[in-house]
């Protein structure tokens, strides 16, 4: 019979592999990866909005 996988994460913690979490390990602020992702998404959204506004205000010939 096949052995069930360890879904509790205890095996990874014993082996020293990092666990995915939404907070920094020290607990002093947000995860820097999430901050970088938020900045990237904000830049993309701003760039898209700028392009839309630029296209709308361009003089039509």
N, C-alpha and C. Protein backbone atom coordinates (compact mmCIF):
# COMPACT_ATOMS: atom_id res chain seq x y z
N UNK A 1 0.85 -1.17 0.00
CA UNK A 1 0.00 0.00 0.00
C UNK A 1 0.90 1.24 0.00
N UNK A 2 0.53 2.27 -0.76
CA UNK A 2 1.32 3.50 -0.88
C UNK A 2 1.25 4.31 0.41
N UNK A 3 2.38 4.90 0.75
CA UNK A 3 2.43 5.73 1.95
C UNK A 3 1.84 7.11 1.64
N UNK A 4 1.05 7.63 2.57
CA UNK A 4 0.44 8.94 2.39
C UNK A 4 1.50 10.03 2.53
N UNK A 5 1.41 11.09 1.73
CA UNK A 5 2.39 12.18 1.82
C UNK A 5 2.22 12.96 3.11
N UNK A 6 3.32 13.51 3.59
CA UNK A 6 3.29 14.33 4.80
C UNK A 6 2.86 15.74 4.41
N UNK A 7 1.62 16.10 4.73
CA UNK A 7 1.11 17.41 4.36
C UNK A 7 1.21 18.41 5.50
N UNK A 8 1.72 18.00 6.64
CA UNK A 8 1.80 18.91 7.78
C UNK A 8 3.01 19.82 7.70
N UNK A 9 3.96 19.55 6.83
CA UNK A 9 5.14 20.40 6.70
C UNK A 9 6.23 20.08 7.70
N UNK A 10 6.03 19.08 8.55
CA UNK A 10 7.02 18.75 9.56
C UNK A 10 8.29 18.18 8.94
N UNK A 11 8.14 17.43 7.86
CA UNK A 11 9.31 16.85 7.21
C UNK A 11 10.21 17.95 6.66
N UNK A 12 9.63 18.96 6.02
CA UNK A 12 10.41 20.06 5.46
C UNK A 12 11.12 20.83 6.57
N UNK A 13 10.43 21.05 7.69
CA UNK A 13 11.03 21.79 8.79
C UNK A 13 12.22 21.02 9.37
N UNK A 14 12.13 19.71 9.43
CA UNK A 14 13.23 18.90 9.95
C UNK A 14 14.44 18.95 9.03
N UNK A 15 14.18 19.03 7.72
CA UNK A 15 15.28 19.03 6.75
C UNK A 15 15.88 20.41 6.55
N UNK A 16 15.29 21.44 7.13
CA UNK A 16 15.83 22.78 7.01
C UNK A 16 15.41 23.52 5.77
N UNK A 17 14.44 23.02 5.03
CA UNK A 17 13.94 23.72 3.85
C UNK A 17 13.03 24.85 4.32
N UNK A 18 13.07 25.99 3.64
CA UNK A 18 12.22 27.11 4.05
C UNK A 18 10.75 26.81 3.79
N UNK A 19 9.91 27.30 4.67
CA UNK A 19 8.47 27.14 4.51
C UNK A 19 7.93 28.42 3.90
N UNK A 20 6.92 28.30 3.06
CA UNK A 20 6.28 29.46 2.47
C UNK A 20 5.36 30.09 3.50
N UNK A 21 5.57 31.35 3.76
CA UNK A 21 4.71 32.06 4.69
C UNK A 21 4.45 33.46 4.16
N UNK A 22 3.42 34.11 4.67
CA UNK A 22 3.07 35.44 4.21
C UNK A 22 3.68 36.53 5.09
N UNK A 23 4.40 36.16 6.10
CA UNK A 23 5.05 37.16 6.95
C UNK A 23 6.54 36.89 6.99
N UNK A 24 7.29 37.92 7.30
CA UNK A 24 8.74 37.77 7.38
C UNK A 24 9.09 36.87 8.55
N UNK A 25 10.23 36.21 8.46
CA UNK A 25 10.64 35.28 9.51
C UNK A 25 10.79 36.00 10.85
N UNK A 26 11.26 37.25 10.82
CA UNK A 26 11.45 37.97 12.07
C UNK A 26 10.15 38.57 12.58
N UNK A 27 9.13 38.64 11.73
CA UNK A 27 7.84 39.16 12.15
C UNK A 27 7.82 40.68 12.28
N UNK A 28 8.78 41.37 11.65
CA UNK A 28 8.85 42.82 11.80
C UNK A 28 8.18 43.57 10.67
N UNK A 29 7.62 42.88 9.70
CA UNK A 29 6.98 43.56 8.59
C UNK A 29 6.54 42.58 7.54
N UNK A 30 6.04 43.11 6.42
CA UNK A 30 5.58 42.22 5.35
C UNK A 30 6.74 41.51 4.68
N UNK A 31 6.43 40.42 4.08
CA UNK A 31 7.41 39.63 3.34
C UNK A 31 7.94 40.47 2.18
N UNK A 32 9.24 40.63 2.05
CA UNK A 32 9.80 41.45 0.97
C UNK A 32 9.40 40.96 -0.41
N UNK A 33 9.14 39.66 -0.55
CA UNK A 33 8.70 39.14 -1.85
C UNK A 33 7.32 39.68 -2.20
N UNK A 34 6.45 39.80 -1.20
CA UNK A 34 5.12 40.33 -1.45
C UNK A 34 5.18 41.82 -1.77
N UNK A 35 6.07 42.54 -1.11
CA UNK A 35 6.24 43.96 -1.39
C UNK A 35 6.71 44.15 -2.83
N UNK A 36 7.67 43.34 -3.27
CA UNK A 36 8.16 43.43 -4.64
C UNK A 36 7.05 43.09 -5.64
N UNK A 37 6.25 42.09 -5.33
CA UNK A 37 5.16 41.71 -6.21
C UNK A 37 4.13 42.84 -6.30
N UNK A 38 3.79 43.44 -5.17
CA UNK A 38 2.83 44.55 -5.17
C UNK A 38 3.34 45.72 -5.99
N UNK A 39 4.63 46.03 -5.87
CA UNK A 39 5.21 47.13 -6.65
C UNK A 39 5.18 46.82 -8.14
N UNK A 40 5.50 45.58 -8.50
CA UNK A 40 5.47 45.17 -9.90
C UNK A 40 4.06 45.30 -10.47
N UNK A 41 3.07 44.81 -9.75
CA UNK A 41 1.69 44.88 -10.22
C UNK A 41 1.21 46.32 -10.32
N UNK A 42 1.61 47.17 -9.37
CA UNK A 42 1.22 48.58 -9.41
C UNK A 42 1.84 49.27 -10.61
N UNK A 43 3.11 48.97 -10.92
CA UNK A 43 3.75 49.57 -12.09
C UNK A 43 3.05 49.14 -13.37
N UNK A 44 2.69 47.86 -13.46
CA UNK A 44 2.00 47.37 -14.66
C UNK A 44 0.65 48.06 -14.82
N UNK A 45 -0.08 48.19 -13.73
CA UNK A 45 -1.40 48.83 -13.78
C UNK A 45 -1.26 50.29 -14.17
N UNK A 46 -0.28 50.98 -13.60
CA UNK A 46 -0.08 52.39 -13.92
C UNK A 46 0.33 52.56 -15.38
N UNK A 47 1.19 51.69 -15.86
CA UNK A 47 1.63 51.76 -17.26
C UNK A 47 0.45 51.53 -18.20
N UNK A 48 -0.40 50.57 -17.87
CA UNK A 48 -1.57 50.30 -18.70
C UNK A 48 -2.55 51.47 -18.70
N UNK A 49 -2.77 52.07 -17.54
CA UNK A 49 -3.67 53.22 -17.45
C UNK A 49 -3.11 54.40 -18.24
N UNK A 50 -1.81 54.61 -18.13
CA UNK A 50 -1.16 55.69 -18.87
C UNK A 50 -1.33 55.49 -20.37
N UNK A 51 -1.12 54.28 -20.84
CA UNK A 51 -1.27 53.99 -22.27
C UNK A 51 -2.70 54.23 -22.73
N UNK A 52 -3.68 53.83 -21.91
CA UNK A 52 -5.08 54.05 -22.27
C UNK A 52 -5.39 55.53 -22.37
N UNK A 53 -4.93 56.31 -21.40
CA UNK A 53 -5.19 57.74 -21.41
C UNK A 53 -4.48 58.42 -22.57
N UNK A 54 -3.27 57.97 -22.87
CA UNK A 54 -2.50 58.54 -23.98
C UNK A 54 -3.21 58.27 -25.31
N UNK A 55 -3.76 57.05 -25.46
CA UNK A 55 -4.46 56.71 -26.69
C UNK A 55 -5.74 57.53 -26.84
N UNK A 56 -6.42 57.78 -25.74
CA UNK A 56 -7.68 58.54 -25.80
C UNK A 56 -7.45 60.01 -26.13
N UNK A 57 -6.35 60.57 -25.63
CA UNK A 57 -6.12 62.00 -25.82
C UNK A 57 -5.30 62.31 -27.08
N UNK A 58 -4.86 61.30 -27.81
CA UNK A 58 -4.08 61.52 -29.02
C UNK A 58 -4.98 62.15 -30.07
N UNK A 59 -4.45 63.16 -30.77
CA UNK A 59 -5.27 63.80 -31.83
C UNK A 59 -5.51 62.82 -32.99
N UNK A 60 -6.70 62.82 -33.43
CA UNK A 60 -7.10 61.92 -34.54
C UNK A 60 -6.90 62.64 -35.87
N UNK A 61 -6.28 62.00 -36.80
CA UNK A 61 -6.04 62.64 -38.09
C UNK A 61 -6.98 62.15 -39.15
